[in-house]
Amino acid sequence: MTVISRLFGYFEEGFLNLLITMMTLLVFGEVIARFFFNTGFLWIQELTLTLCGWFVLFGMSYGVKVGAHIGVDAFVSKLSGKPQKIVAIFACLCCLVYCGLFLKGAWEYLSQMYQIGIPMEDIDFPAWLIHQLDPDDAWETWRIDVEDGAVPIWLSQSILLIGFSMLTWRFIELFIAILKNQAVGFQLADEAKDSMHLIDEAAKSISSEQKENDKDTK
């Protein structure tokens, strides 16, 4: 379990880095094209929004792993021992139920999109790939219309199922860790603590600059 989780974590980090890099390059290219060459690409906006959705939904499980999610723990933090464990188990079960509802909804939605075969508006498969596909097999299996060549919506939005499956995996891991007393609950981001840390760092930076200026003056 530990080895699988570790490999899974490496894959998450690598894929998230790839997504944010692609979004940055696409937006940068679009800005350069519009402001310097007075042109643009219709497919870049749709692809960037799609990648953004993948980044958010794919990153949910990674946020659970590194404790990046924000939560209200004013009550739970005052508990200790068995009461805290019971509350943590209950919260984890609620999260698993939440994921189960979304997985059910995502499956039904993607099934409908697959049956209807609605394509994306501006993103097409490369021509060389379309020419290698059998028209009947492409439609029956992937819902790809070779005459249009557009990417089907069910494929681009499959991250709904993938993202919540990964999030479910992380909550199951956390649930097992709580039962084995390897974790006391959710790791949550502390915005107040982070803000105070940034303020302290800024104050130290300003103080050091003032000292250097005083030395230069003397």
Protein backbone atom coordinates (compact mmCIF):
# COMPACT_ATOMS: atom_id res chain seq x y z
CA MET A 1 0.00 0.00 0.00
CA THR A 2 2.83 2.41 0.90
CA VAL A 3 4.72 1.77 -2.35
CA ILE A 4 1.58 2.19 -4.45
CA SER A 5 0.68 5.40 -2.61
CA ARG A 6 4.21 6.75 -3.11
CA LEU A 7 4.21 5.99 -6.84
CA PHE A 8 0.73 7.44 -7.09
CA GLY A 9 1.98 10.61 -5.39
CA TYR A 10 4.88 10.95 -7.85
CA PHE A 11 2.46 10.54 -10.75
CA GLU A 12 0.14 13.19 -9.28
CA GLU A 13 2.95 15.73 -8.89
CA GLY A 14 4.33 15.10 -12.36
CA PHE A 15 0.94 15.29 -14.05
CA LEU A 16 -0.05 18.47 -12.18
CA ASN A 17 3.25 20.09 -13.17
CA LEU A 18 2.59 19.10 -16.78
CA LEU A 19 -0.91 20.61 -16.71
CA ILE A 20 0.15 23.95 -15.20
CA THR A 21 3.07 24.17 -17.64
CA MET A 22 0.80 23.55 -20.62
CA MET A 23 -1.72 26.15 -19.41
CA THR A 24 1.03 28.73 -18.93
CA LEU A 25 2.50 28.14 -22.38
CA LEU A 26 -0.90 28.23 -24.08
CA VAL A 27 -1.97 31.49 -22.40
CA PHE A 28 1.44 33.04 -23.09
CA GLY A 29 1.24 32.03 -26.75
CA GLU A 30 -2.28 33.42 -27.09
CA VAL A 31 -1.27 36.76 -25.53
CA ILE A 32 1.73 37.07 -27.85
CA ALA A 33 -0.41 36.19 -30.89
CA ARG A 34 -3.11 38.74 -30.04
CA PHE A 35 -1.03 41.71 -28.94
CA PHE A 36 1.91 41.38 -31.31
CA PHE A 37 0.46 39.69 -34.41
CA ASN A 38 -3.22 40.72 -34.14
CA THR A 39 -4.41 37.13 -34.45
CA GLY A 40 -5.44 34.26 -32.21
CA PHE A 41 -6.45 30.62 -31.98
CA LEU A 42 -10.01 29.60 -31.16
CA TRP A 43 -8.98 26.24 -29.79
CA ILE A 44 -6.55 27.66 -27.20
CA GLN A 45 -9.30 29.14 -24.99
CA GLU A 46 -11.31 25.91 -24.89
CA LEU A 47 -8.20 23.80 -24.34
CA THR A 48 -6.97 26.09 -21.55
CA LEU A 49 -10.34 25.91 -19.77
CA THR A 50 -10.33 22.13 -20.15
CA LEU A 51 -6.79 21.86 -18.75
CA CYS A 52 -7.81 24.15 -15.87
CA GLY A 53 -10.69 21.83 -15.05
CA TRP A 54 -8.34 18.84 -15.17
CA PHE A 55 -5.87 20.66 -12.92
CA VAL A 56 -8.50 21.45 -10.28
CA LEU A 57 -10.22 18.06 -10.28
CA PHE A 58 -6.96 16.13 -10.53
CA GLY A 59 -5.44 18.24 -7.76
CA MET A 60 -8.22 17.55 -5.24
CA SER A 61 -6.66 14.29 -4.11
CA TYR A 62 -3.19 15.83 -3.97
CA GLY A 63 -4.60 18.59 -1.76
CA VAL A 64 -5.79 15.94 0.72
CA LYS A 65 -2.34 14.37 0.71
CA VAL A 66 -0.38 17.57 1.42
CA GLY A 67 -3.01 19.26 3.59
CA ALA A 68 -3.76 22.11 1.20
CA HIS A 69 -7.54 22.13 1.68
CA ILE A 70 -9.14 24.70 3.96
CA GLY A 71 -11.44 23.49 6.73
CA VAL A 72 -13.07 24.61 9.95
CA ASP A 73 -11.46 22.79 12.87
CA ALA A 74 -12.23 25.17 15.75
CA PHE A 75 -14.31 22.46 17.46
CA VAL A 76 -12.31 19.38 16.48
CA SER A 77 -8.97 20.91 17.51
CA LYS A 78 -10.23 21.16 21.11
CA LEU A 79 -10.88 17.42 21.26
CA SER A 80 -8.32 14.76 22.02
CA GLY A 81 -8.06 11.01 22.22
CA LYS A 82 -11.10 8.88 21.41
CA PRO A 83 -13.60 11.75 20.83
CA GLN A 84 -11.30 13.30 18.24
CA LYS A 85 -10.87 9.94 16.53
CA ILE A 86 -14.63 9.37 16.40
CA VAL A 87 -15.24 12.81 14.88
CA ALA A 88 -12.44 12.25 12.35
CA ILE A 89 -13.88 8.88 11.32
CA PHE A 90 -17.35 10.41 10.95
CA ALA A 91 -15.95 13.28 8.85
CA CYS A 92 -14.05 10.84 6.66
CA LEU A 93 -17.17 8.74 6.11
CA CYS A 94 -19.10 11.89 5.14
CA CYS A 95 -16.40 12.70 2.60
CA LEU A 96 -16.59 9.19 1.17
CA VAL A 97 -20.38 9.48 0.83
CA TYR A 98 -19.88 12.85 -0.87
CA CYS A 99 -17.41 11.29 -3.31
CA GLY A 100 -19.78 8.40 -3.94
CA LEU A 101 -22.61 10.78 -4.87
CA PHE A 102 -20.35 12.67 -7.26
CA LEU A 103 -19.04 9.45 -8.79
CA LYS A 104 -22.60 8.29 -9.41
CA GLY A 105 -23.55 11.65 -10.94
CA ALA A 106 -20.37 11.79 -13.03
CA TRP A 107 -20.95 8.27 -14.35
CA GLU A 108 -24.55 9.05 -15.35
CA TYR A 109 -23.56 12.38 -16.94
CA LEU A 110 -20.63 10.92 -18.90
CA SER A 111 -22.78 7.98 -19.98
CA GLN A 112 -25.32 10.39 -21.45
CA MET A 113 -22.61 12.43 -23.16
CA TYR A 114 -21.16 9.21 -24.57
CA GLN A 115 -24.50 7.99 -25.88
CA ILE A 116 -25.34 11.33 -27.51
CA GLY A 117 -21.83 11.84 -28.86
CA ILE A 118 -21.67 15.64 -28.43
CA PRO A 119 -18.33 17.01 -29.72
CA MET A 120 -16.26 19.89 -28.39
CA GLU A 121 -16.61 23.17 -30.27
CA ASP A 122 -13.04 24.07 -31.25
CA ILE A 123 -10.75 21.13 -30.43
CA ASP A 124 -10.16 18.55 -33.15
CA PHE A 125 -8.00 15.47 -33.36
CA PRO A 126 -4.93 15.71 -35.65
CA ALA A 127 -5.75 14.90 -39.26
CA TRP A 128 -3.16 12.10 -39.42
CA LEU A 129 -4.89 10.34 -36.50
CA ILE A 130 -8.38 10.71 -37.98
CA HIS A 131 -7.23 9.23 -41.30
CA GLN A 132 -6.06 6.08 -39.51
CA LEU A 133 -9.40 5.45 -37.81
CA ASP A 134 -12.14 3.23 -39.14
CA PRO A 135 -15.31 5.41 -39.34
CA ASP A 136 -17.68 2.80 -37.93
CA ASP A 137 -15.33 1.63 -35.18
CA ALA A 138 -14.42 5.21 -34.21
CA TRP A 139 -18.08 6.10 -33.70
CA GLU A 140 -19.17 2.88 -32.04
CA THR A 141 -16.22 2.78 -29.63
CA TRP A 142 -15.18 6.39 -29.05
CA ARG A 143 -18.09 8.44 -30.44
CA ILE A 144 -15.70 10.17 -32.84
CA ASP A 145 -17.17 11.45 -36.11
CA VAL A 146 -14.30 11.13 -38.58
CA GLU A 147 -15.97 13.63 -40.93
CA ASP A 148 -15.91 16.27 -38.19
CA GLY A 149 -12.80 15.13 -36.32
CA ALA A 150 -13.80 16.90 -33.09
CA VAL A 151 -12.88 15.54 -29.67
CA PRO A 152 -16.00 14.15 -27.92
CA ILE A 153 -17.05 15.97 -24.76
CA TRP A 154 -17.25 12.76 -22.73
CA LEU A 155 -13.53 12.24 -23.28
CA SER A 156 -12.50 15.75 -22.24
CA GLN A 157 -14.78 15.67 -19.19
CA SER A 158 -13.80 12.18 -18.08
CA ILE A 159 -11.72 13.93 -15.42
CA LEU A 160 -14.94 14.11 -13.38
CA LEU A 161 -14.79 10.35 -12.91
CA ILE A 162 -11.00 10.21 -12.67
CA GLY A 163 -10.68 13.09 -10.20
CA PHE A 164 -13.33 11.86 -7.76
CA SER A 165 -12.00 8.30 -7.99
CA MET A 166 -8.59 9.58 -6.93
CA LEU A 167 -10.16 11.69 -4.18
CA THR A 168 -12.01 8.60 -2.93
CA TRP A 169 -8.72 6.71 -2.85
CA ARG A 170 -7.13 9.43 -0.70
CA PHE A 171 -10.05 9.45 1.74
CA ILE A 172 -9.90 5.64 2.03
CA GLU A 173 -6.19 5.93 2.80
CA LEU A 174 -6.93 8.55 5.45
CA PHE A 175 -9.76 6.46 6.90
CA ILE A 176 -7.45 3.45 7.29
CA ALA A 177 -4.72 5.65 8.80
CA ILE A 178 -7.17 7.01 11.39
CA LEU A 179 -8.35 3.51 12.32
CA LYS A 180 -4.72 2.42 12.77
CA ASN A 181 -3.96 5.55 14.86
CA GLN A 182 -1.47 6.69 12.22
CA ALA A 183 -3.36 9.96 11.76
CA VAL A 184 -5.59 12.04 14.02
CA GLY A 185 -7.68 13.53 11.22
CA PHE A 186 -7.50 15.81 8.23
CA GLN A 187 -4.46 17.94 7.57
CA LEU A 188 -5.87 21.39 6.84
CA ALA A 189 -4.27 24.58 5.61
CA ASP A 190 -4.05 27.34 8.23
CA GLU A 191 -4.53 30.62 6.37
CA ALA A 192 -4.13 32.75 9.49
CA LYS A 193 -0.85 31.08 10.40
CA ASP A 194 0.45 31.37 6.83
CA SER A 195 -0.54 35.04 6.69
CA MET A 196 1.24 35.80 9.96
CA HIS A 197 4.31 33.98 8.67
CA LEU A 198 4.30 36.13 5.53
CA ILE A 199 3.92 39.27 7.64
CA ASP A 200 6.86 38.24 9.82
CA GLU A 201 8.99 37.54 6.77
CA ALA A 202 8.08 40.90 5.25
CA ALA A 203 8.87 42.70 8.53
CA LYS A 204 12.27 41.00 8.74
CA SER A 205 13.01 41.95 5.14
CA ILE A 206 12.06 45.60 5.73
CA SER A 207 14.12 45.68 8.96
CA SER A 208 17.19 44.30 7.22
CA GLU A 209 16.84 46.83 4.40
CA GLN A 210 16.57 49.67 6.90
CA LYS A 211 19.71 48.49 8.69
CA GLU A 212 21.61 48.38 5.40
CA ASN A 213 20.39 51.88 4.53
CA ASP A 214 21.49 53.15 7.96
CA LYS A 215 24.95 51.65 7.43
CA ASP A 216 25.22 53.29 4.02
CA THR A 217 24.17 56.64 5.51
CA LYS A 218 26.80 56.45 8.24
